[in-house]
Structures are given as C-alpha cells and as structure tokens.
C-alpha cells in the first residue's frame, strides 16, 4: 500500500479548487490537459499532487502564448 497512498480527488473537488464547474474539469481530462484515473465504476479521479502543481502553475489551460 506504500505506492498507492497518494490522495485522489473527485471532479467536484478539483472544480472547487479551480473555481470552475465539474464538467469543465471533465473536459480538461478528456482533452488531455489534466490526467485522470478511472475507477472500476468508470468515474474519474485526479492525483492531488498533479492538481496542486497545476494550481501553482496557473492552471491547466496553457494556450502556448507567453
């Protein structure tokens, strides 16, 4: 269980952190802007460390300008 101790967030939790709608988070995952893990039931979960990194970096919507 050592390797699997990282916390996973739901789309709603990620959405709250970014102040967007949960559907927006799902679209980011579908487009590859943020990676997700699928549960056996088909729900998406997001690695907390990656989400925090994106928050620190200004979010997943990099347009390539800059």
PDB file of N, CA and C in Angstrom:
ATOM      1  N   UNK A   1       0.815  -1.194   0.000  1.00  0.00           N
ATOM      2  CA  UNK A   1       0.000   0.000   0.000  1.00  0.00           C
ATOM      3  C   UNK A   1       0.859   1.258   0.000  1.00  0.00           C
ATOM      4  N   UNK A   2       2.145   1.120   0.081  1.00  0.00           N
ATOM      5  CA  UNK A   2       3.039   2.281   0.113  1.00  0.00           C
ATOM      6  C   UNK A   2       2.933   3.123  -1.154  1.00  0.00           C
ATOM      7  N   UNK A   3       2.880   2.463  -2.329  1.00  0.00           N
ATOM      8  CA  UNK A   3       2.871   3.204  -3.588  1.00  0.00           C
ATOM      9  C   UNK A   3       1.529   3.819  -3.923  1.00  0.00           C
ATOM     10  N   UNK A   4       0.462   3.347  -3.296  1.00  0.00           N
ATOM     11  CA  UNK A   4      -0.868   3.832  -3.624  1.00  0.00           C
ATOM     12  C   UNK A   4      -1.439   4.761  -2.561  1.00  0.00           C
ATOM     13  N   UNK A   5      -0.596   5.403  -1.784  1.00  0.00           N
ATOM     14  CA  UNK A   5      -1.087   6.230  -0.683  1.00  0.00           C
ATOM     15  C   UNK A   5      -1.421   7.658  -1.120  1.00  0.00           C
ATOM     16  N   UNK A   6      -1.205   7.987  -2.400  1.00  0.00           N
ATOM     17  CA  UNK A   6      -1.491   9.347  -2.854  1.00  0.00           C
ATOM     18  C   UNK A   6      -2.994   9.593  -2.880  1.00  0.00           C
ATOM     19  N   UNK A   7      -3.383  10.756  -2.438  1.00  0.00           N
ATOM     20  CA  UNK A   7      -4.800  11.115  -2.367  1.00  0.00           C
ATOM     21  C   UNK A   7      -5.345  11.406  -3.760  1.00  0.00           C
ATOM     22  N   UNK A   8      -6.534  10.907  -4.029  1.00  0.00           N
ATOM     23  CA  UNK A   8      -7.216  11.145  -5.292  1.00  0.00           C
ATOM     24  C   UNK A   8      -8.401  12.059  -5.049  1.00  0.00           C
ATOM     25  N   UNK A   9      -8.606  12.987  -5.970  1.00  0.00           N
ATOM     26  CA  UNK A   9      -9.685  13.968  -5.845  1.00  0.00           C
ATOM     27  C   UNK A   9     -10.777  13.688  -6.870  1.00  0.00           C
ATOM     28  N   UNK A  10     -11.996  14.009  -6.513  1.00  0.00           N
ATOM     29  CA  UNK A  10     -13.118  13.886  -7.441  1.00  0.00           C
ATOM     30  C   UNK A  10     -13.147  15.121  -8.351  1.00  0.00           C
ATOM     31  N   UNK A  11     -13.874  15.028  -9.471  1.00  0.00           N
ATOM     32  CA  UNK A  11     -14.015  16.219 -10.318  1.00  0.00           C
ATOM     33  C   UNK A  11     -14.588  17.417  -9.556  1.00  0.00           C
ATOM     34  N   UNK A  12     -15.497  17.169  -8.627  1.00  0.00           N
ATOM     35  CA  UNK A  12     -16.068  18.258  -7.835  1.00  0.00           C
ATOM     36  C   UNK A  12     -15.047  18.936  -6.944  1.00  0.00           C
ATOM     37  N   UNK A  13     -14.150  18.140  -6.355  1.00  0.00           N
ATOM     38  CA  UNK A  13     -13.107  18.707  -5.500  1.00  0.00           C
ATOM     39  C   UNK A  13     -12.116  19.523  -6.322  1.00  0.00           C
ATOM     40  N   UNK A  14     -11.752  18.999  -7.496  1.00  0.00           N
ATOM     41  CA  UNK A  14     -10.837  19.734  -8.376  1.00  0.00           C
ATOM     42  C   UNK A  14     -11.509  21.030  -8.843  1.00  0.00           C
ATOM     43  N   UNK A  15     -12.778  20.934  -9.199  1.00  0.00           N
ATOM     44  CA  UNK A  15     -13.515  22.111  -9.661  1.00  0.00           C
ATOM     45  C   UNK A  15     -13.553  23.198  -8.592  1.00  0.00           C
ATOM     46  N   UNK A  16     -13.727  22.793  -7.347  1.00  0.00           N
ATOM     47  CA  UNK A  16     -13.762  23.771  -6.261  1.00  0.00           C
ATOM     48  C   UNK A  16     -12.423  24.480  -6.122  1.00  0.00           C
ATOM     49  N   UNK A  17     -11.332  23.750  -6.301  1.00  0.00           N
ATOM     50  CA  UNK A  17     -10.008  24.354  -6.189  1.00  0.00           C
ATOM     51  C   UNK A  17      -9.756  25.367  -7.305  1.00  0.00           C
ATOM     52  N   UNK A  18     -10.215  25.047  -8.526  1.00  0.00           N
ATOM     53  CA  UNK A  18     -10.007  25.931  -9.673  1.00  0.00           C
ATOM     54  C   UNK A  18     -11.141  26.948  -9.852  1.00  0.00           C
ATOM     55  N   UNK A  19     -12.198  26.790  -9.045  1.00  0.00           N
ATOM     56  CA  UNK A  19     -13.377  27.645  -9.143  1.00  0.00           C
ATOM     57  C   UNK A  19     -14.011  27.584 -10.528  1.00  0.00           C
ATOM     58  N   UNK A  20     -14.206  26.349 -10.988  1.00  0.00           N
ATOM     59  CA  UNK A  20     -14.881  26.102 -12.258  1.00  0.00           C
ATOM     60  C   UNK A  20     -15.953  25.037 -12.017  1.00  0.00           C
ATOM     61  N   UNK A  21     -16.737  24.765 -13.028  1.00  0.00           N
ATOM     62  CA  UNK A  21     -17.756  23.730 -12.960  1.00  0.00           C
ATOM     63  C   UNK A  21     -17.105  22.345 -13.074  1.00  0.00           C
ATOM     64  N   UNK A  22     -17.621  21.342 -12.378  1.00  0.00           N
ATOM     65  CA  UNK A  22     -17.059  19.982 -12.510  1.00  0.00           C
ATOM     66  C   UNK A  22     -17.018  19.474 -13.953  1.00  0.00           C
ATOM     67  N   UNK A  23     -17.972  19.879 -14.787  1.00  0.00           N
ATOM     68  CA  UNK A  23     -17.963  19.474 -16.195  1.00  0.00           C
ATOM     69  C   UNK A  23     -16.731  20.028 -16.914  1.00  0.00           C
ATOM     70  N   UNK A  24     -16.271  21.193 -16.504  1.00  0.00           N
ATOM     71  CA  UNK A  24     -15.058  21.770 -17.092  1.00  0.00           C
ATOM     72  C   UNK A  24     -13.861  20.889 -16.781  1.00  0.00           C
ATOM     73  N   UNK A  25     -13.779  20.393 -15.560  1.00  0.00           N
ATOM     74  CA  UNK A  25     -12.690  19.500 -15.171  1.00  0.00           C
ATOM     75  C   UNK A  25     -12.742  18.222 -16.008  1.00  0.00           C
ATOM     76  N   UNK A  26     -13.928  17.701 -16.228  1.00  0.00           N
ATOM     77  CA  UNK A  26     -14.091  16.504 -17.053  1.00  0.00           C
ATOM     78  C   UNK A  26     -13.640  16.776 -18.482  1.00  0.00           C
ATOM     79  N   UNK A  27     -13.946  17.952 -19.007  1.00  0.00           N
ATOM     80  CA  UNK A  27     -13.498  18.307 -20.364  1.00  0.00           C
ATOM     81  C   UNK A  27     -11.981  18.424 -20.426  1.00  0.00           C
ATOM     82  N   UNK A  28     -11.368  19.011 -19.366  1.00  0.00           N
ATOM     83  CA  UNK A  28      -9.906  19.096 -19.327  1.00  0.00           C
ATOM     84  C   UNK A  28      -9.296  17.698 -19.394  1.00  0.00           C
ATOM     85  N   UNK A  29      -9.886  16.763 -18.657  1.00  0.00           N
ATOM     86  CA  UNK A  29      -9.378  15.391 -18.644  1.00  0.00           C
ATOM     87  C   UNK A  29      -9.540  14.744 -20.019  1.00  0.00           C
ATOM     88  N   UNK A  30     -10.683  14.952 -20.654  1.00  0.00           N
ATOM     89  CA  UNK A  30     -10.945  14.368 -21.967  1.00  0.00           C
ATOM     90  C   UNK A  30      -9.997  14.913 -23.029  1.00  0.00           C
ATOM     91  N   UNK A  31      -9.594  16.179 -22.877  1.00  0.00           N
ATOM     92  CA  UNK A  31      -8.700  16.789 -23.862  1.00  0.00           C
ATOM     93  C   UNK A  31      -7.225  16.586 -23.528  1.00  0.00           C
ATOM     94  N   UNK A  32      -6.948  15.973 -22.389  1.00  0.00           N
ATOM     95  CA  UNK A  32      -5.564  15.689 -22.022  1.00  0.00           C
ATOM     96  C   UNK A  32      -4.865  16.803 -21.270  1.00  0.00           C
ATOM     97  N   UNK A  33      -5.581  17.836 -20.877  1.00  0.00           N
ATOM     98  CA  UNK A  33      -4.953  18.941 -20.139  1.00  0.00           C
ATOM     99  C   UNK A  33      -4.595  18.553 -18.718  1.00  0.00           C
ATOM    100  N   UNK A  34      -5.299  17.542 -18.190  1.00  0.00           N
ATOM    101  CA  UNK A  34      -5.017  17.026 -16.859  1.00  0.00           C
ATOM    102  C   UNK A  34      -5.239  15.514 -16.923  1.00  0.00           C
ATOM    103  N   UNK A  35      -4.362  14.748 -16.309  1.00  0.00           N
ATOM    104  CA  UNK A  35      -4.514  13.297 -16.373  1.00  0.00           C
ATOM    105  C   UNK A  35      -5.475  12.821 -15.294  1.00  0.00           C
ATOM    106  N   UNK A  36      -6.166  11.744 -15.603  1.00  0.00           N
ATOM    107  CA  UNK A  36      -7.130  11.206 -14.654  1.00  0.00           C
ATOM    108  C   UNK A  36      -6.993   9.696 -14.573  1.00  0.00           C
ATOM    109  N   UNK A  37      -7.519   9.166 -13.504  1.00  0.00           N
ATOM    110  CA  UNK A  37      -7.567   7.730 -13.276  1.00  0.00           C
ATOM    111  C   UNK A  37      -9.038   7.353 -13.280  1.00  0.00           C
ATOM    112  N   UNK A  38      -9.366   6.226 -13.900  1.00  0.00           N
ATOM    113  CA  UNK A  38     -10.750   5.759 -13.904  1.00  0.00           C
ATOM    114  C   UNK A  38     -10.940   4.715 -12.811  1.00  0.00           C
ATOM    115  N   UNK A  39     -11.999   4.873 -12.048  1.00  0.00           N
ATOM    116  CA  UNK A  39     -12.342   3.884 -11.031  1.00  0.00           C
ATOM    117  C   UNK A  39     -12.977   2.681 -11.723  1.00  0.00           C
ATOM    118  N   UNK A  40     -13.098   1.556 -11.035  1.00  0.00           N
ATOM    119  CA  UNK A  40     -13.780   0.400 -11.642  1.00  0.00           C
ATOM    120  C   UNK A  40     -15.206   0.733 -12.091  1.00  0.00           C
ATOM    121  N   UNK A  41     -15.830   1.701 -11.448  1.00  0.00           N
ATOM    122  CA  UNK A  41     -17.177   2.115 -11.831  1.00  0.00           C
ATOM    123  C   UNK A  41     -17.214   3.119 -12.971  1.00  0.00           C
ATOM    124  N   UNK A  42     -16.031   3.537 -13.467  1.00  0.00           N
ATOM    125  CA  UNK A  42     -15.962   4.450 -14.603  1.00  0.00           C
ATOM    126  C   UNK A  42     -15.874   5.922 -14.246  1.00  0.00           C
ATOM    127  N   UNK A  43     -15.767   6.233 -12.958  1.00  0.00           N
ATOM    128  CA  UNK A  43     -15.657   7.631 -12.537  1.00  0.00           C
ATOM    129  C   UNK A  43     -14.216   8.101 -12.618  1.00  0.00           C
ATOM    130  N   UNK A  44     -14.033   9.394 -12.833  1.00  0.00           N
ATOM    131  CA  UNK A  44     -12.684   9.958 -12.904  1.00  0.00           C
ATOM    132  C   UNK A  44     -12.204  10.384 -11.525  1.00  0.00           C
ATOM    133  N   UNK A  45     -10.912  10.177 -11.306  1.00  0.00           N
ATOM    134  CA  UNK A  45     -10.248  10.677 -10.100  1.00  0.00           C
ATOM    135  C   UNK A  45      -8.944  11.320 -10.551  1.00  0.00           C
ATOM    136  N   UNK A  46      -8.513  12.328  -9.796  1.00  0.00           N
ATOM    137  CA  UNK A  46      -7.336  13.110 -10.159  1.00  0.00           C
ATOM    138  C   UNK A  46      -6.331  13.080  -9.022  1.00  0.00           C
ATOM    139  N   UNK A  47      -5.045  12.951  -9.365  1.00  0.00           N
ATOM    140  CA  UNK A  47      -3.986  12.918  -8.349  1.00  0.00           C
ATOM    141  C   UNK A  47      -3.856  14.301  -7.727  1.00  0.00           C
ATOM    142  N   UNK A  48      -3.929  14.349  -6.405  1.00  0.00           N
ATOM    143  CA  UNK A  48      -3.864  15.628  -5.701  1.00  0.00           C
ATOM    144  C   UNK A  48      -2.565  16.365  -5.996  1.00  0.00           C
ATOM    145  N   UNK A  49      -1.448  15.649  -6.049  1.00  0.00           N
ATOM    146  CA  UNK A  49      -0.160  16.303  -6.292  1.00  0.00           C
ATOM    147  C   UNK A  49      -0.141  16.994  -7.653  1.00  0.00           C
ATOM    148  N   UNK A  50      -0.703  16.347  -8.679  1.00  0.00           N
ATOM    149  CA  UNK A  50      -0.739  16.956 -10.007  1.00  0.00           C
ATOM    150  C   UNK A  50      -1.662  18.168 -10.023  1.00  0.00           C
ATOM    151  N   UNK A  51      -2.787  18.067  -9.344  1.00  0.00           N
ATOM    152  CA  UNK A  51      -3.727  19.183  -9.279  1.00  0.00           C
ATOM    153  C   UNK A  51      -3.073  20.380  -8.586  1.00  0.00           C
ATOM    154  N   UNK A  52      -2.381  20.126  -7.475  1.00  0.00           N
ATOM    155  CA  UNK A  52      -1.694  21.212  -6.753  1.00  0.00           C
ATOM    156  C   UNK A  52      -0.617  21.861  -7.622  1.00  0.00           C
ATOM    157  N   UNK A  53       0.079  21.029  -8.394  1.00  0.00           N
ATOM    158  CA  UNK A  53       1.122  21.545  -9.291  1.00  0.00           C
ATOM    159  C   UNK A  53       0.503  22.454 -10.352  1.00  0.00           C
ATOM    160  N   UNK A  54      -0.630  22.043 -10.899  1.00  0.00           N
ATOM    161  CA  UNK A  54      -1.320  22.874 -11.889  1.00  0.00           C
ATOM    162  C   UNK A  54      -1.819  24.175 -11.271  1.00  0.00           C
ATOM    163  N   UNK A  55      -2.308  24.097 -10.052  1.00  0.00           N
ATOM    164  CA  UNK A  55      -2.755  25.313  -9.362  1.00  0.00           C
ATOM    165  C   UNK A  55      -1.600  26.290  -9.181  1.00  0.00           C
ATOM    166  N   UNK A  56      -0.453  25.781  -8.783  1.00  0.00           N
ATOM    167  CA  UNK A  56       0.727  26.633  -8.583  1.00  0.00           C
ATOM    168  C   UNK A  56       1.224  27.206  -9.899  1.00  0.00           C
ATOM    169  N   UNK A  57       1.017  26.464 -10.990  1.00  0.00           N
ATOM    170  CA  UNK A  57       1.500  26.898 -12.298  1.00  0.00           C
ATOM    171  C   UNK A  57       0.515  27.736 -13.076  1.00  0.00           C
ATOM    172  N   UNK A  58      -0.618  28.050 -12.487  1.00  0.00           N
ATOM    173  CA  UNK A  58      -1.571  28.915 -13.168  1.00  0.00           C
ATOM    174  C   UNK A  58      -2.707  28.179 -13.836  1.00  0.00           C
ATOM    175  N   UNK A  59      -2.853  26.889 -13.644  1.00  0.00           N
ATOM    176  CA  UNK A  59      -3.979  26.143 -14.186  1.00  0.00           C
ATOM    177  C   UNK A  59      -3.612  25.371 -15.428  1.00  0.00           C
ATOM    178  N   UNK A  60      -4.509  24.489 -15.852  1.00  0.00           N
ATOM    179  CA  UNK A  60      -4.228  23.594 -16.974  1.00  0.00           C
ATOM    180  C   UNK A  60      -4.461  24.210 -18.328  1.00  0.00           C
ATOM    181  N   UNK A  61      -5.021  25.407 -18.407  1.00  0.00           N
ATOM    182  CA  UNK A  61      -5.377  25.970 -19.707  1.00  0.00           C
ATOM    183  C   UNK A  61      -4.243  26.815 -20.279  1.00  0.00           C
ATOM    184  N   UNK A  62      -3.124  26.174 -20.594  1.00  0.00           N
ATOM    185  CA  UNK A  62      -1.994  26.866 -21.219  1.00  0.00           C
ATOM    186  C   UNK A  62      -2.288  26.996 -22.706  1.00  0.00           C
ATOM    187  N   UNK A  63      -2.316  28.212 -23.206  1.00  0.00           N
ATOM    188  CA  UNK A  63      -2.617  28.456 -24.606  1.00  0.00           C
ATOM    189  C   UNK A  63      -1.383  28.481 -25.481  1.00  0.00           C
ATOM    190  N   UNK A  64      -0.211  28.364 -24.870  1.00  0.00           N
ATOM    191  CA  UNK A  64       1.020  28.436 -25.623  1.00  0.00           C
ATOM    192  C   UNK A  64       1.473  29.875 -25.875  1.00  0.00           C
ATOM    193  N   UNK A  65       0.720  30.834 -25.388  1.00  0.00           N
ATOM    194  CA  UNK A  65       1.110  32.233 -25.575  1.00  0.00           C
ATOM    195  C   UNK A  65       1.886  32.703 -24.346  1.00  0.00           C
ATOM    196  N   UNK A  66       3.132  33.079 -24.579  1.00  0.00           N
ATOM    197  CA  UNK A  66       3.889  33.582 -23.443  1.00  0.00           C
ATOM    198  C   UNK A  66       5.183  32.974 -23.243  1.00  0.00           C
TER     199      UNK A  66
END
